[in-house]
N, C-alpha and C. Protein backbone atom coordinates (compact mmCIF):
# COMPACT_ATOMS: atom_id res chain seq x y z
N MET A 1 -3.06 15.02 30.71
CA MET A 1 -1.62 15.11 30.84
C MET A 1 -0.99 13.87 30.21
N PRO A 2 0.01 14.03 29.36
CA PRO A 2 0.65 12.87 28.72
C PRO A 2 1.33 11.96 29.74
N ALA A 3 1.31 10.68 29.42
CA ALA A 3 1.93 9.68 30.29
C ALA A 3 2.61 8.63 29.41
N LEU A 4 3.48 7.86 30.01
CA LEU A 4 4.13 6.77 29.27
C LEU A 4 3.17 5.61 29.08
N CYS A 5 3.22 5.01 27.90
CA CYS A 5 2.40 3.84 27.64
C CYS A 5 3.21 2.88 26.76
N TYR A 6 2.72 1.66 26.63
CA TYR A 6 3.43 0.62 25.90
C TYR A 6 2.48 -0.07 24.92
N PRO A 7 2.02 0.62 23.87
CA PRO A 7 1.04 0.02 22.96
C PRO A 7 1.65 -1.05 22.04
N TYR A 8 2.96 -1.05 21.86
CA TYR A 8 3.61 -1.99 20.95
C TYR A 8 4.45 -3.03 21.69
N GLY A 9 4.21 -3.19 22.97
CA GLY A 9 4.97 -4.15 23.76
C GLY A 9 5.96 -3.45 24.67
N SER A 10 6.65 -4.21 25.48
CA SER A 10 7.54 -3.63 26.49
C SER A 10 8.84 -3.10 25.90
N SER A 11 9.16 -3.43 24.65
CA SER A 11 10.42 -2.96 24.07
C SER A 11 10.32 -1.57 23.48
N ILE A 12 9.10 -1.01 23.38
CA ILE A 12 8.91 0.33 22.84
C ILE A 12 8.07 1.13 23.83
N THR A 13 8.61 2.27 24.27
CA THR A 13 7.91 3.15 25.19
C THR A 13 7.38 4.34 24.40
N CYS A 14 6.13 4.70 24.65
CA CYS A 14 5.50 5.80 23.93
C CYS A 14 4.95 6.82 24.92
N VAL A 15 4.77 8.04 24.43
CA VAL A 15 4.11 9.09 25.19
C VAL A 15 2.69 9.17 24.65
N CYS A 16 1.72 8.95 25.53
CA CYS A 16 0.31 8.91 25.13
C CYS A 16 -0.49 9.88 25.98
N ASP A 17 -1.62 10.33 25.42
CA ASP A 17 -2.54 11.14 26.21
C ASP A 17 -3.51 10.21 26.92
N PRO A 18 -4.36 10.72 27.80
CA PRO A 18 -5.29 9.86 28.56
C PRO A 18 -6.27 9.08 27.68
N ARG A 19 -6.53 9.56 26.46
CA ARG A 19 -7.44 8.85 25.56
C ARG A 19 -6.76 7.69 24.85
N GLY A 20 -5.43 7.59 24.94
CA GLY A 20 -4.71 6.49 24.31
C GLY A 20 -4.06 6.86 22.99
N ASN A 21 -4.13 8.13 22.58
CA ASN A 21 -3.47 8.56 21.35
C ASN A 21 -1.97 8.63 21.55
N VAL A 22 -1.22 8.08 20.63
CA VAL A 22 0.24 8.02 20.74
C VAL A 22 0.84 9.28 20.13
N TYR A 23 1.73 9.94 20.87
CA TYR A 23 2.40 11.15 20.39
C TYR A 23 3.81 10.86 19.89
N ASN A 24 4.56 10.10 20.64
CA ASN A 24 5.96 9.85 20.31
C ASN A 24 6.37 8.52 20.91
N CYS A 25 7.22 7.77 20.19
CA CYS A 25 7.72 6.48 20.69
C CYS A 25 9.23 6.43 20.60
N PHE A 26 9.82 5.63 21.46
CA PHE A 26 11.26 5.42 21.45
C PHE A 26 11.55 4.04 22.03
N PRO A 27 12.69 3.44 21.64
CA PRO A 27 13.00 2.09 22.13
C PRO A 27 13.32 2.10 23.62
N THR A 28 12.90 1.06 24.30
CA THR A 28 13.18 0.87 25.72
C THR A 28 14.47 0.07 25.84
N ASP A 29 15.19 0.30 26.92
CA ASP A 29 16.43 -0.45 27.15
C ASP A 29 16.10 -1.93 27.27
N TYR A 30 16.53 -2.71 26.31
CA TYR A 30 16.17 -4.13 26.25
C TYR A 30 17.04 -5.02 27.13
N LYS A 31 18.04 -4.46 27.80
CA LYS A 31 18.92 -5.28 28.62
C LYS A 31 18.40 -5.47 30.03
N GLY A 32 17.24 -4.96 30.32
CA GLY A 32 16.64 -5.21 31.63
C GLY A 32 16.94 -4.16 32.67
N LYS A 33 17.53 -3.04 32.30
CA LYS A 33 17.83 -2.01 33.29
C LYS A 33 16.56 -1.31 33.77
N GLN A 34 15.50 -1.35 32.98
CA GLN A 34 14.22 -0.82 33.41
C GLN A 34 13.34 -2.01 33.81
N GLY A 35 13.55 -2.51 34.97
CA GLY A 35 12.86 -3.72 35.38
C GLY A 35 11.39 -3.54 35.65
N ASN A 36 10.98 -2.37 36.09
CA ASN A 36 9.59 -2.14 36.44
C ASN A 36 8.91 -1.32 35.36
N LEU A 37 8.09 -1.94 34.55
CA LEU A 37 7.39 -1.24 33.49
C LEU A 37 6.01 -0.84 33.97
N ASN A 38 5.63 0.38 33.66
CA ASN A 38 4.33 0.89 34.10
C ASN A 38 3.34 0.79 32.94
N TYR A 39 2.44 -0.16 33.01
CA TYR A 39 1.39 -0.30 32.01
C TYR A 39 0.18 0.49 32.52
N GLY A 40 0.09 1.74 32.10
CA GLY A 40 -0.96 2.63 32.62
C GLY A 40 -2.29 2.41 31.90
N GLU A 41 -3.22 3.35 32.18
CA GLU A 41 -4.54 3.27 31.61
C GLU A 41 -4.52 3.54 30.11
N GLY A 42 -3.50 4.25 29.62
CA GLY A 42 -3.44 4.59 28.21
C GLY A 42 -2.94 3.45 27.33
N LYS A 43 -2.94 2.26 27.86
CA LYS A 43 -2.46 1.10 27.11
C LYS A 43 -3.38 0.83 25.92
N LYS A 44 -2.77 0.70 24.76
CA LYS A 44 -3.56 0.50 23.54
C LYS A 44 -2.82 -0.53 22.68
N LYS A 45 -3.44 -1.62 22.39
CA LYS A 45 -2.82 -2.67 21.59
C LYS A 45 -3.16 -2.49 20.12
N VAL A 46 -2.19 -2.76 19.26
CA VAL A 46 -2.42 -2.72 17.82
C VAL A 46 -2.83 -4.12 17.39
N SER A 47 -3.96 -4.23 16.73
CA SER A 47 -4.45 -5.54 16.33
C SER A 47 -3.72 -6.03 15.09
N THR A 48 -3.47 -7.33 15.04
CA THR A 48 -2.79 -7.91 13.88
C THR A 48 -3.71 -7.92 12.66
N GLY A 49 -5.01 -7.97 12.87
CA GLY A 49 -5.95 -7.93 11.75
C GLY A 49 -5.87 -6.61 11.00
N GLU A 50 -5.67 -5.53 11.74
CA GLU A 50 -5.55 -4.21 11.13
C GLU A 50 -4.28 -4.13 10.29
N ASP A 51 -3.18 -4.70 10.80
CA ASP A 51 -1.93 -4.72 10.06
C ASP A 51 -2.06 -5.56 8.79
N GLN A 52 -2.73 -6.69 8.86
CA GLN A 52 -2.88 -7.55 7.70
C GLN A 52 -3.73 -6.88 6.63
N ARG A 53 -4.77 -6.16 7.04
CA ARG A 53 -5.60 -5.45 6.06
C ARG A 53 -4.78 -4.38 5.33
N THR A 54 -3.92 -3.70 6.06
CA THR A 54 -3.08 -2.67 5.46
C THR A 54 -2.12 -3.29 4.46
N GLU A 55 -1.50 -4.40 4.85
CA GLU A 55 -0.56 -5.08 3.95
C GLU A 55 -1.27 -5.59 2.70
N ILE A 56 -2.47 -6.14 2.86
CA ILE A 56 -3.22 -6.64 1.71
C ILE A 56 -3.59 -5.49 0.79
N LEU A 57 -3.99 -4.36 1.36
CA LEU A 57 -4.33 -3.19 0.54
C LEU A 57 -3.12 -2.68 -0.24
N LEU A 58 -1.98 -2.60 0.41
CA LEU A 58 -0.77 -2.13 -0.27
C LEU A 58 -0.33 -3.11 -1.35
N ALA A 59 -0.40 -4.40 -1.06
CA ALA A 59 0.01 -5.40 -2.05
C ALA A 59 -0.93 -5.40 -3.25
N SER A 60 -2.23 -5.27 -3.01
CA SER A 60 -3.17 -5.27 -4.14
C SER A 60 -3.01 -4.00 -4.98
N THR A 61 -2.72 -2.88 -4.34
CA THR A 61 -2.47 -1.64 -5.09
C THR A 61 -1.24 -1.78 -5.97
N ALA A 62 -0.19 -2.36 -5.43
CA ALA A 62 1.02 -2.58 -6.22
C ALA A 62 0.75 -3.53 -7.38
N LEU A 63 -0.04 -4.57 -7.14
CA LEU A 63 -0.36 -5.53 -8.20
C LEU A 63 -1.15 -4.85 -9.32
N VAL A 64 -2.12 -4.04 -8.97
CA VAL A 64 -2.91 -3.32 -9.98
C VAL A 64 -2.01 -2.39 -10.78
N ALA A 65 -1.08 -1.72 -10.13
CA ALA A 65 -0.16 -0.82 -10.83
C ALA A 65 0.73 -1.60 -11.81
N VAL A 66 1.23 -2.76 -11.41
CA VAL A 66 2.07 -3.57 -12.28
C VAL A 66 1.27 -4.08 -13.47
N ILE A 67 0.04 -4.52 -13.25
CA ILE A 67 -0.80 -5.00 -14.35
C ILE A 67 -1.11 -3.87 -15.32
N ALA A 68 -1.42 -2.68 -14.81
CA ALA A 68 -1.69 -1.53 -15.68
C ALA A 68 -0.46 -1.16 -16.49
N LEU A 69 0.70 -1.19 -15.89
CA LEU A 69 1.95 -0.90 -16.60
C LEU A 69 2.20 -1.94 -17.69
N PHE A 70 1.98 -3.20 -17.40
CA PHE A 70 2.16 -4.26 -18.39
C PHE A 70 1.20 -4.10 -19.55
N LEU A 71 -0.07 -3.82 -19.26
CA LEU A 71 -1.06 -3.64 -20.33
C LEU A 71 -0.74 -2.42 -21.19
N SER A 72 -0.29 -1.34 -20.58
CA SER A 72 0.08 -0.17 -21.38
C SER A 72 1.28 -0.47 -22.27
N PHE A 73 2.22 -1.26 -21.78
CA PHE A 73 3.36 -1.67 -22.60
C PHE A 73 2.89 -2.53 -23.78
N LEU A 74 1.99 -3.47 -23.53
CA LEU A 74 1.46 -4.31 -24.61
C LEU A 74 0.72 -3.47 -25.66
N ILE A 75 -0.08 -2.53 -25.22
CA ILE A 75 -0.82 -1.68 -26.16
C ILE A 75 0.16 -0.85 -26.99
N TYR A 76 1.18 -0.33 -26.36
CA TYR A 76 2.19 0.46 -27.07
C TYR A 76 2.89 -0.38 -28.13
N ARG A 77 3.31 -1.57 -27.75
CA ARG A 77 4.01 -2.45 -28.71
C ARG A 77 3.08 -2.89 -29.85
N MET A 78 1.83 -3.18 -29.54
CA MET A 78 0.88 -3.59 -30.56
C MET A 78 0.61 -2.45 -31.53
N GLU A 79 0.45 -1.25 -31.00
CA GLU A 79 0.23 -0.10 -31.87
C GLU A 79 1.44 0.15 -32.77
N LYS A 80 2.62 0.04 -32.22
CA LYS A 80 3.84 0.23 -32.99
C LYS A 80 3.94 -0.82 -34.10
N TYR A 81 3.63 -2.06 -33.78
CA TYR A 81 3.67 -3.14 -34.76
C TYR A 81 2.65 -2.92 -35.86
N LEU A 82 1.43 -2.54 -35.49
CA LEU A 82 0.37 -2.36 -36.49
C LEU A 82 0.64 -1.16 -37.39
N VAL A 83 1.18 -0.09 -36.86
CA VAL A 83 1.52 1.07 -37.69
C VAL A 83 2.63 0.70 -38.66
N LYS A 84 3.59 -0.06 -38.23
CA LYS A 84 4.71 -0.48 -39.08
C LYS A 84 4.24 -1.39 -40.21
N ARG A 85 3.26 -2.24 -39.95
CA ARG A 85 2.78 -3.21 -40.93
C ARG A 85 1.67 -2.66 -41.83
N GLY A 86 1.24 -1.42 -41.66
CA GLY A 86 0.17 -0.87 -42.46
C GLY A 86 -1.18 -1.43 -42.03
N PHE A 87 -1.55 -1.14 -40.83
CA PHE A 87 -2.77 -1.67 -40.23
C PHE A 87 -4.00 -1.26 -41.03
N GLN A 88 -4.86 -2.22 -41.36
CA GLN A 88 -6.09 -1.95 -42.10
C GLN A 88 -7.27 -2.49 -41.30
N VAL A 89 -8.28 -1.65 -41.16
CA VAL A 89 -9.50 -2.06 -40.48
C VAL A 89 -10.63 -1.96 -41.48
N LYS A 90 -11.32 -3.04 -41.71
CA LYS A 90 -12.46 -3.03 -42.61
C LYS A 90 -13.73 -2.95 -41.78
N ALA A 91 -14.58 -2.02 -42.16
CA ALA A 91 -15.86 -1.89 -41.47
C ALA A 91 -16.78 -3.02 -41.94
N ASN A 92 -17.97 -3.08 -41.41
CA ASN A 92 -18.88 -4.14 -41.80
C ASN A 92 -19.29 -3.98 -43.28
N LYS A 93 -19.86 -4.97 -43.87
CA LYS A 93 -20.14 -5.01 -45.29
C LYS A 93 -21.17 -3.98 -45.73
N GLN A 94 -21.97 -3.49 -44.84
CA GLN A 94 -23.02 -2.54 -45.21
C GLN A 94 -22.44 -1.18 -45.59
N THR A 95 -21.40 -0.72 -44.87
CA THR A 95 -20.86 0.61 -45.16
C THR A 95 -19.73 0.58 -46.16
N LYS A 96 -19.04 -0.54 -46.28
CA LYS A 96 -17.91 -0.73 -47.20
C LYS A 96 -16.89 0.40 -47.10
N VAL A 97 -16.45 0.67 -45.87
CA VAL A 97 -15.44 1.70 -45.62
C VAL A 97 -14.18 1.02 -45.12
N THR A 98 -13.04 1.44 -45.62
CA THR A 98 -11.76 0.88 -45.21
C THR A 98 -10.91 2.01 -44.62
N PHE A 99 -10.37 1.77 -43.43
CA PHE A 99 -9.47 2.73 -42.80
C PHE A 99 -8.06 2.20 -42.92
N ILE A 100 -7.16 3.03 -43.38
CA ILE A 100 -5.76 2.63 -43.49
C ILE A 100 -4.95 3.63 -42.68
N PHE A 101 -4.19 3.12 -41.72
CA PHE A 101 -3.32 3.96 -40.92
C PHE A 101 -1.88 3.75 -41.36
N LYS A 102 -1.21 4.82 -41.67
CA LYS A 102 0.22 4.73 -42.02
C LYS A 102 0.94 5.92 -41.48
């Protein structure tokens, strides 16, 4: 049977099942009108280490996306510059083949 629990502190009241799974949360009256808080068996604390890992994962994902976008922009500009200038690639001396892109 669902019961009230306070996994995020006394300012947020949640509806939890007996295993501690959170179903719904809502703010508690912060002015002190609910003086007696019931910290039941379904109390579940969120660890700060878990939050930091999530933030690090999101930040690193954003960083990788920005670096990939920057590299794709550089490749695009370099290709545009080389096509405009008549890019020539000479193969090694054994094959004596020249590629000209225009």
